[in-house]
Amino acid sequence: MADSTITVDDIEGELVKIERIRDVLVRRESELRYMMDDIQLCKEITRLKKELHKLVSIPDNDKSNEDRQKEEELLQQIHKLVETRDFLVDDVEFERLRECDGVPTRRSQQTSSPFTKTGLTLLKECCGFTCSIM
């Protein structure tokens, strides 16, 4: 049996509170998913950077063709993962701004060649707070 002292306004007020809590939980779930994706990307980038660091530390005259090819492949993979992470960060910022101010215009997608940065430059750049190689 329903409590006869509860009014329709009380019920509507409770429903509004529950919807606000649900919205907070949905936002938090989304944030946690972004964080998990970020952690996974950073782990993979760190792994690839370690592998690349081993190849970069070999003097050029001692490198085999396979070493050079592997170095190029690692640079491309790292570049792709860093771009993926950049898009993830942009999405998080987009969602944050959307919640605060309404929908902003998305930044135009920037494309660049994976060869614009040297292996050493990529090694020195950190992909986020979870990187352990630096």
N, C-alpha and C. Protein backbone atom coordinates (compact mmCIF):
# COMPACT_ATOMS: atom_id res chain seq x y z
N MET A 1 0.82 -1.19 0.00
CA MET A 1 0.00 0.00 0.00
C MET A 1 0.87 1.25 0.00
N ALA A 2 0.41 2.25 -0.70
CA ALA A 2 1.13 3.51 -0.78
C ALA A 2 0.90 4.31 0.48
N ASP A 3 1.93 5.07 0.87
CA ASP A 3 1.83 5.96 2.03
C ASP A 3 0.93 7.13 1.64
N SER A 4 -0.13 7.35 2.39
CA SER A 4 -1.11 8.39 2.03
C SER A 4 -0.59 9.80 2.27
N THR A 5 0.57 9.94 2.95
CA THR A 5 1.11 11.28 3.19
C THR A 5 1.99 11.77 2.04
N ILE A 6 2.31 10.90 1.12
CA ILE A 6 3.15 11.29 -0.03
C ILE A 6 2.25 11.92 -1.09
N THR A 7 2.68 13.08 -1.56
CA THR A 7 1.89 13.79 -2.58
C THR A 7 2.49 13.56 -3.96
N VAL A 8 1.76 13.96 -4.96
CA VAL A 8 2.24 13.87 -6.34
C VAL A 8 3.50 14.73 -6.49
N ASP A 9 3.52 15.89 -5.86
CA ASP A 9 4.71 16.76 -5.92
C ASP A 9 5.93 16.08 -5.31
N ASP A 10 5.72 15.36 -4.21
CA ASP A 10 6.82 14.61 -3.59
C ASP A 10 7.38 13.56 -4.55
N ILE A 11 6.49 12.85 -5.20
CA ILE A 11 6.89 11.81 -6.15
C ILE A 11 7.64 12.43 -7.33
N GLU A 12 7.09 13.52 -7.86
CA GLU A 12 7.76 14.20 -8.99
C GLU A 12 9.13 14.72 -8.57
N GLY A 13 9.24 15.23 -7.36
CA GLY A 13 10.53 15.70 -6.85
C GLY A 13 11.54 14.57 -6.75
N GLU A 14 11.10 13.42 -6.26
CA GLU A 14 11.97 12.25 -6.17
C GLU A 14 12.40 11.79 -7.56
N LEU A 15 11.47 11.80 -8.51
CA LEU A 15 11.81 11.41 -9.88
C LEU A 15 12.87 12.33 -10.48
N VAL A 16 12.75 13.63 -10.23
CA VAL A 16 13.74 14.58 -10.73
C VAL A 16 15.10 14.29 -10.11
N LYS A 17 15.15 14.02 -8.81
CA LYS A 17 16.40 13.68 -8.13
C LYS A 17 17.01 12.41 -8.73
N ILE A 18 16.17 11.41 -8.95
CA ILE A 18 16.65 10.15 -9.52
C ILE A 18 17.21 10.37 -10.93
N GLU A 19 16.54 11.19 -11.74
CA GLU A 19 17.04 11.48 -13.09
C GLU A 19 18.37 12.20 -13.05
N ARG A 20 18.52 13.14 -12.11
CA ARG A 20 19.82 13.84 -11.97
C ARG A 20 20.92 12.86 -11.59
N ILE A 21 20.62 11.97 -10.66
CA ILE A 21 21.60 10.96 -10.25
C ILE A 21 21.94 10.05 -11.43
N ARG A 22 20.94 9.65 -12.19
CA ARG A 22 21.17 8.81 -13.36
C ARG A 22 22.07 9.52 -14.36
N ASP A 23 21.82 10.81 -14.61
CA ASP A 23 22.64 11.58 -15.54
C ASP A 23 24.09 11.65 -15.06
N VAL A 24 24.28 11.85 -13.76
CA VAL A 24 25.64 11.89 -13.20
C VAL A 24 26.32 10.55 -13.40
N LEU A 25 25.59 9.46 -13.16
CA LEU A 25 26.18 8.13 -13.32
C LEU A 25 26.51 7.82 -14.77
N VAL A 26 25.67 8.24 -15.69
CA VAL A 26 25.94 8.03 -17.11
C VAL A 26 27.19 8.81 -17.52
N ARG A 27 27.31 10.06 -17.06
CA ARG A 27 28.51 10.85 -17.37
C ARG A 27 29.75 10.20 -16.78
N ARG A 28 29.65 9.72 -15.55
CA ARG A 28 30.80 9.08 -14.91
C ARG A 28 31.20 7.80 -15.64
N GLU A 29 30.21 7.02 -16.07
CA GLU A 29 30.50 5.81 -16.84
C GLU A 29 31.26 6.18 -18.11
N SER A 30 30.82 7.23 -18.79
CA SER A 30 31.48 7.68 -20.00
C SER A 30 32.92 8.11 -19.71
N GLU A 31 33.12 8.85 -18.62
CA GLU A 31 34.47 9.28 -18.24
C GLU A 31 35.36 8.08 -17.97
N LEU A 32 34.83 7.09 -17.28
CA LEU A 32 35.62 5.89 -16.97
C LEU A 32 35.99 5.11 -18.23
N ARG A 33 35.07 5.07 -19.19
CA ARG A 33 35.38 4.40 -20.46
C ARG A 33 36.51 5.13 -21.19
N TYR A 34 36.44 6.47 -21.21
CA TYR A 34 37.51 7.24 -21.82
C TYR A 34 38.84 6.98 -21.10
N MET A 35 38.79 6.92 -19.78
CA MET A 35 40.01 6.68 -19.01
C MET A 35 40.60 5.31 -19.33
N MET A 36 39.75 4.30 -19.43
CA MET A 36 40.24 2.96 -19.77
C MET A 36 40.88 2.94 -21.15
N ASP A 37 40.22 3.59 -22.11
CA ASP A 37 40.78 3.66 -23.46
C ASP A 37 42.13 4.38 -23.43
N ASP A 38 42.22 5.46 -22.68
CA ASP A 38 43.45 6.23 -22.57
C ASP A 38 44.57 5.38 -21.96
N ILE A 39 44.25 4.65 -20.92
CA ILE A 39 45.25 3.80 -20.27
C ILE A 39 45.75 2.73 -21.23
N GLN A 40 44.83 2.10 -21.96
CA GLN A 40 45.22 1.06 -22.92
C GLN A 40 46.12 1.65 -24.02
N LEU A 41 45.73 2.80 -24.53
CA LEU A 41 46.55 3.44 -25.58
C LEU A 41 47.93 3.79 -25.04
N CYS A 42 47.99 4.33 -23.85
CA CYS A 42 49.28 4.71 -23.28
C CYS A 42 50.16 3.50 -23.02
N LYS A 43 49.57 2.41 -22.58
CA LYS A 43 50.35 1.19 -22.37
C LYS A 43 50.94 0.70 -23.68
N GLU A 44 50.14 0.71 -24.73
CA GLU A 44 50.61 0.25 -26.03
C GLU A 44 51.69 1.19 -26.58
N ILE A 45 51.47 2.49 -26.43
CA ILE A 45 52.47 3.47 -26.89
C ILE A 45 53.77 3.27 -26.12
N THR A 46 53.68 3.08 -24.83
CA THR A 46 54.88 2.87 -24.01
C THR A 46 55.62 1.62 -24.45
N ARG A 47 54.89 0.55 -24.72
CA ARG A 47 55.52 -0.69 -25.17
C ARG A 47 56.26 -0.48 -26.49
N LEU A 48 55.59 0.21 -27.42
CA LEU A 48 56.20 0.47 -28.72
C LEU A 48 57.40 1.41 -28.59
N LYS A 49 57.31 2.38 -27.71
CA LYS A 49 58.44 3.30 -27.50
C LYS A 49 59.66 2.57 -26.95
N LYS A 50 59.43 1.64 -26.05
CA LYS A 50 60.55 0.85 -25.52
C LYS A 50 61.22 0.06 -26.63
N GLU A 51 60.39 -0.55 -27.47
CA GLU A 51 60.92 -1.33 -28.59
C GLU A 51 61.69 -0.42 -29.55
N LEU A 52 61.12 0.74 -29.82
CA LEU A 52 61.77 1.70 -30.71
C LEU A 52 63.08 2.21 -30.10
N HIS A 53 63.06 2.46 -28.81
CA HIS A 53 64.26 2.95 -28.13
C HIS A 53 65.43 1.99 -28.31
N LYS A 54 65.15 0.69 -28.25
CA LYS A 54 66.20 -0.30 -28.47
C LYS A 54 66.80 -0.16 -29.87
N LEU A 55 65.94 0.05 -30.86
CA LEU A 55 66.42 0.17 -32.24
C LEU A 55 67.15 1.49 -32.46
N VAL A 56 66.65 2.56 -31.86
CA VAL A 56 67.26 3.87 -32.04
C VAL A 56 68.64 3.91 -31.40
N SER A 57 68.82 3.13 -30.35
CA SER A 57 70.11 3.13 -29.65
C SER A 57 71.21 2.41 -30.43
N ILE A 58 70.83 1.67 -31.46
CA ILE A 58 71.82 0.99 -32.31
C ILE A 58 72.42 2.04 -33.26
N PRO A 59 73.74 2.12 -33.32
CA PRO A 59 74.36 3.07 -34.27
C PRO A 59 73.91 2.78 -35.70
N ASP A 60 73.74 3.83 -36.48
CA ASP A 60 73.22 3.68 -37.84
C ASP A 60 74.03 2.71 -38.70
N ASN A 61 75.32 2.74 -38.57
CA ASN A 61 76.14 1.86 -39.40
C ASN A 61 76.05 0.39 -38.98
N ASP A 62 75.49 0.12 -37.77
CA ASP A 62 75.31 -1.26 -37.31
C ASP A 62 73.90 -1.80 -37.55
N LYS A 63 73.02 -0.95 -38.05
CA LYS A 63 71.63 -1.37 -38.26
C LYS A 63 71.49 -2.17 -39.54
N SER A 64 70.70 -3.23 -39.45
CA SER A 64 70.38 -4.01 -40.64
C SER A 64 69.19 -3.36 -41.34
N ASN A 65 68.92 -3.82 -42.54
CA ASN A 65 67.74 -3.32 -43.25
C ASN A 65 66.46 -3.65 -42.48
N GLU A 66 66.45 -4.82 -41.84
CA GLU A 66 65.28 -5.20 -41.04
C GLU A 66 65.10 -4.26 -39.86
N ASP A 67 66.22 -3.85 -39.25
CA ASP A 67 66.16 -2.91 -38.13
C ASP A 67 65.56 -1.57 -38.59
N ARG A 68 66.02 -1.10 -39.73
CA ARG A 68 65.51 0.18 -40.26
C ARG A 68 64.02 0.08 -40.60
N GLN A 69 63.65 -1.05 -41.21
CA GLN A 69 62.25 -1.26 -41.56
C GLN A 69 61.38 -1.35 -40.30
N LYS A 70 61.86 -2.09 -39.31
CA LYS A 70 61.12 -2.22 -38.04
C LYS A 70 60.99 -0.86 -37.36
N GLU A 71 62.04 -0.07 -37.40
CA GLU A 71 62.01 1.28 -36.82
C GLU A 71 60.94 2.13 -37.49
N GLU A 72 60.88 2.08 -38.81
CA GLU A 72 59.86 2.83 -39.56
C GLU A 72 58.46 2.36 -39.19
N GLU A 73 58.28 1.03 -39.11
CA GLU A 73 56.97 0.48 -38.75
C GLU A 73 56.56 0.92 -37.34
N LEU A 74 57.51 0.90 -36.42
CA LEU A 74 57.21 1.33 -35.04
C LEU A 74 56.83 2.80 -35.00
N LEU A 75 57.55 3.61 -35.76
CA LEU A 75 57.22 5.04 -35.82
C LEU A 75 55.80 5.25 -36.34
N GLN A 76 55.44 4.52 -37.37
CA GLN A 76 54.09 4.63 -37.92
C GLN A 76 53.04 4.18 -36.91
N GLN A 77 53.30 3.07 -36.22
CA GLN A 77 52.35 2.57 -35.23
C GLN A 77 52.19 3.56 -34.07
N ILE A 78 53.31 4.09 -33.59
CA ILE A 78 53.25 5.05 -32.50
C ILE A 78 52.49 6.29 -32.94
N HIS A 79 52.79 6.76 -34.13
CA HIS A 79 52.12 7.96 -34.64
C HIS A 79 50.60 7.73 -34.71
N LYS A 80 50.21 6.57 -35.20
CA LYS A 80 48.78 6.27 -35.32
C LYS A 80 48.12 6.22 -33.94
N LEU A 81 48.78 5.60 -32.97
CA LEU A 81 48.22 5.52 -31.61
C LEU A 81 48.16 6.89 -30.95
N VAL A 82 49.17 7.72 -31.18
CA VAL A 82 49.15 9.07 -30.62
C VAL A 82 48.00 9.88 -31.24
N GLU A 83 47.79 9.73 -32.53
CA GLU A 83 46.66 10.40 -33.18
C GLU A 83 45.34 9.90 -32.61
N THR A 84 45.23 8.61 -32.40
CA THR A 84 44.02 8.04 -31.81
C THR A 84 43.78 8.64 -30.44
N ARG A 85 44.83 8.74 -29.65
CA ARG A 85 44.71 9.32 -28.31
C ARG A 85 44.33 10.79 -28.39
N ASP A 86 44.90 11.51 -29.34
CA ASP A 86 44.53 12.92 -29.53
C ASP A 86 43.04 13.06 -29.82
N PHE A 87 42.51 12.19 -30.68
CA PHE A 87 41.08 12.24 -30.98
C PHE A 87 40.26 11.90 -29.74
N LEU A 88 40.74 10.97 -28.94
CA LEU A 88 40.06 10.62 -27.70
C LEU A 88 40.00 11.83 -26.76
N VAL A 89 41.13 12.51 -26.63
CA VAL A 89 41.19 13.71 -25.78
C VAL A 89 40.25 14.78 -26.32
N ASP A 90 40.23 14.96 -27.65
CA ASP A 90 39.30 15.92 -28.25
C ASP A 90 37.85 15.56 -27.95
N ASP A 91 37.54 14.27 -28.02
CA ASP A 91 36.17 13.84 -27.72
C ASP A 91 35.79 14.12 -26.27
N VAL A 92 36.71 13.88 -25.36
CA VAL A 92 36.45 14.17 -23.95
C VAL A 92 36.19 15.66 -23.76
N GLU A 93 37.02 16.47 -24.37
CA GLU A 93 36.85 17.93 -24.26
C GLU A 93 35.53 18.37 -24.91
N PHE A 94 35.20 17.79 -26.03
CA PHE A 94 33.95 18.10 -26.72
C PHE A 94 32.76 17.79 -25.81
N GLU A 95 32.79 16.62 -25.17
CA GLU A 95 31.71 16.24 -24.27
C GLU A 95 31.62 17.18 -23.08
N ARG A 96 32.78 17.56 -22.54
CA ARG A 96 32.80 18.47 -21.40
C ARG A 96 32.20 19.82 -21.78
N LEU A 97 32.60 20.35 -22.92
CA LEU A 97 32.08 21.64 -23.37
C LEU A 97 30.59 21.55 -23.70
N ARG A 98 30.17 20.44 -24.25
CA ARG A 98 28.77 20.26 -24.59
C ARG A 98 27.90 20.31 -23.33
N GLU A 99 28.39 19.69 -22.26
CA GLU A 99 27.64 19.70 -21.01
C GLU A 99 27.60 21.09 -20.38
N CYS A 100 28.67 21.84 -20.56
CA CYS A 100 28.75 23.17 -19.93
C CYS A 100 28.04 24.24 -20.74
N ASP A 101 28.28 24.29 -22.05
CA ASP A 101 27.86 25.44 -22.85
C ASP A 101 26.95 25.12 -24.01
N GLY A 102 26.63 23.93 -24.21
CA GLY A 102 25.96 23.57 -25.45
C GLY A 102 26.98 22.97 -26.39
N VAL A 103 26.60 22.67 -27.60
CA VAL A 103 27.47 21.96 -28.53
C VAL A 103 28.43 22.92 -29.22
N PRO A 104 29.74 22.76 -29.03
CA PRO A 104 30.72 23.58 -29.76
C PRO A 104 30.97 22.99 -31.14
N THR A 105 31.64 23.75 -31.98
CA THR A 105 32.03 23.19 -33.27
C THR A 105 33.27 22.36 -33.07
N ARG A 106 33.33 21.22 -33.72
CA ARG A 106 34.50 20.35 -33.59
C ARG A 106 35.66 20.96 -34.34
N ARG A 107 36.83 20.79 -33.77
CA ARG A 107 38.07 21.23 -34.40
C ARG A 107 38.28 20.45 -35.68
N SER A 108 38.75 21.12 -36.70
CA SER A 108 38.97 20.41 -37.96
C SER A 108 40.04 19.36 -37.76
N GLN A 109 39.86 18.24 -38.43
CA GLN A 109 40.80 17.13 -38.29
C GLN A 109 42.12 17.51 -38.94
N GLN A 110 43.18 17.37 -38.14
CA GLN A 110 44.51 17.68 -38.66
C GLN A 110 45.17 16.38 -39.08
N THR A 111 45.75 16.42 -40.25
CA THR A 111 46.47 15.24 -40.69
C THR A 111 47.92 15.62 -40.89
N SER A 112 48.79 14.71 -40.55
CA SER A 112 50.21 14.95 -40.75
C SER A 112 50.87 13.62 -41.07
N SER A 113 52.01 13.71 -41.66
CA SER A 113 52.74 12.52 -42.03
C SER A 113 53.43 11.93 -40.80
N PRO A 114 53.50 10.62 -40.69
CA PRO A 114 54.21 10.03 -39.56
C PRO A 114 55.71 10.29 -39.64
N PHE A 115 56.15 10.83 -40.74
CA PHE A 115 57.58 11.06 -40.91
C PHE A 115 57.99 12.48 -40.58
N THR A 116 57.07 13.30 -40.04
CA THR A 116 57.41 14.67 -39.72
C THR A 116 58.18 14.76 -38.42
N LYS A 117 58.19 13.71 -37.61
CA LYS A 117 58.92 13.70 -36.36
C LYS A 117 59.94 12.58 -36.40
N THR A 118 61.08 12.82 -35.82
CA THR A 118 62.09 11.77 -35.79
C THR A 118 61.76 10.78 -34.68
N GLY A 119 62.42 9.64 -34.73
CA GLY A 119 62.21 8.63 -33.69
C GLY A 119 62.55 9.16 -32.31
N LEU A 120 63.61 9.96 -32.21
CA LEU A 120 64.00 10.51 -30.91
C LEU A 120 62.96 11.49 -30.40
N THR A 121 62.38 12.29 -31.28
CA THR A 121 61.34 13.23 -30.85
C THR A 121 60.15 12.48 -30.32
N LEU A 122 59.72 11.43 -31.01
CA LEU A 122 58.60 10.64 -30.54
C LEU A 122 58.91 9.96 -29.21
N LEU A 123 60.15 9.54 -29.03
CA LEU A 123 60.53 8.91 -27.78
C LEU A 123 60.44 9.88 -26.62
N LYS A 124 60.77 11.14 -26.87
CA LYS A 124 60.80 12.13 -25.80
C LYS A 124 59.41 12.64 -25.44
N GLU A 125 58.47 12.55 -26.36
CA GLU A 125 57.13 13.03 -26.08
C GLU A 125 56.39 12.01 -25.24
N CYS A 126 55.68 12.51 -24.26
CA CYS A 126 54.90 11.63 -23.40
C CYS A 126 53.46 11.62 -23.89
N CYS A 127 52.84 10.46 -23.89
CA CYS A 127 51.46 10.35 -24.38
C CYS A 127 50.46 10.55 -23.25
N GLY A 128 50.90 10.82 -22.06
CA GLY A 128 49.97 11.07 -20.97
C GLY A 128 50.58 10.70 -19.63
N PHE A 129 49.83 10.93 -18.58
CA PHE A 129 50.33 10.71 -17.23
C PHE A 129 50.61 9.25 -16.93
N THR A 130 50.07 8.34 -17.70
CA THR A 130 50.26 6.92 -17.41
C THR A 130 51.54 6.36 -18.03
N CYS A 131 52.23 7.15 -18.86
CA CYS A 131 53.45 6.66 -19.48
C CYS A 131 54.53 6.46 -18.42
N SER A 132 55.22 5.37 -18.51
CA SER A 132 56.25 5.07 -17.52
C SER A 132 57.66 5.12 -18.12
N ILE A 133 57.75 5.24 -19.43
CA ILE A 133 59.07 5.18 -20.06
C ILE A 133 59.87 6.46 -19.85
N MET A 134 59.20 7.56 -19.69
CA MET A 134 59.91 8.82 -19.57
C MET A 134 60.29 9.03 -18.15
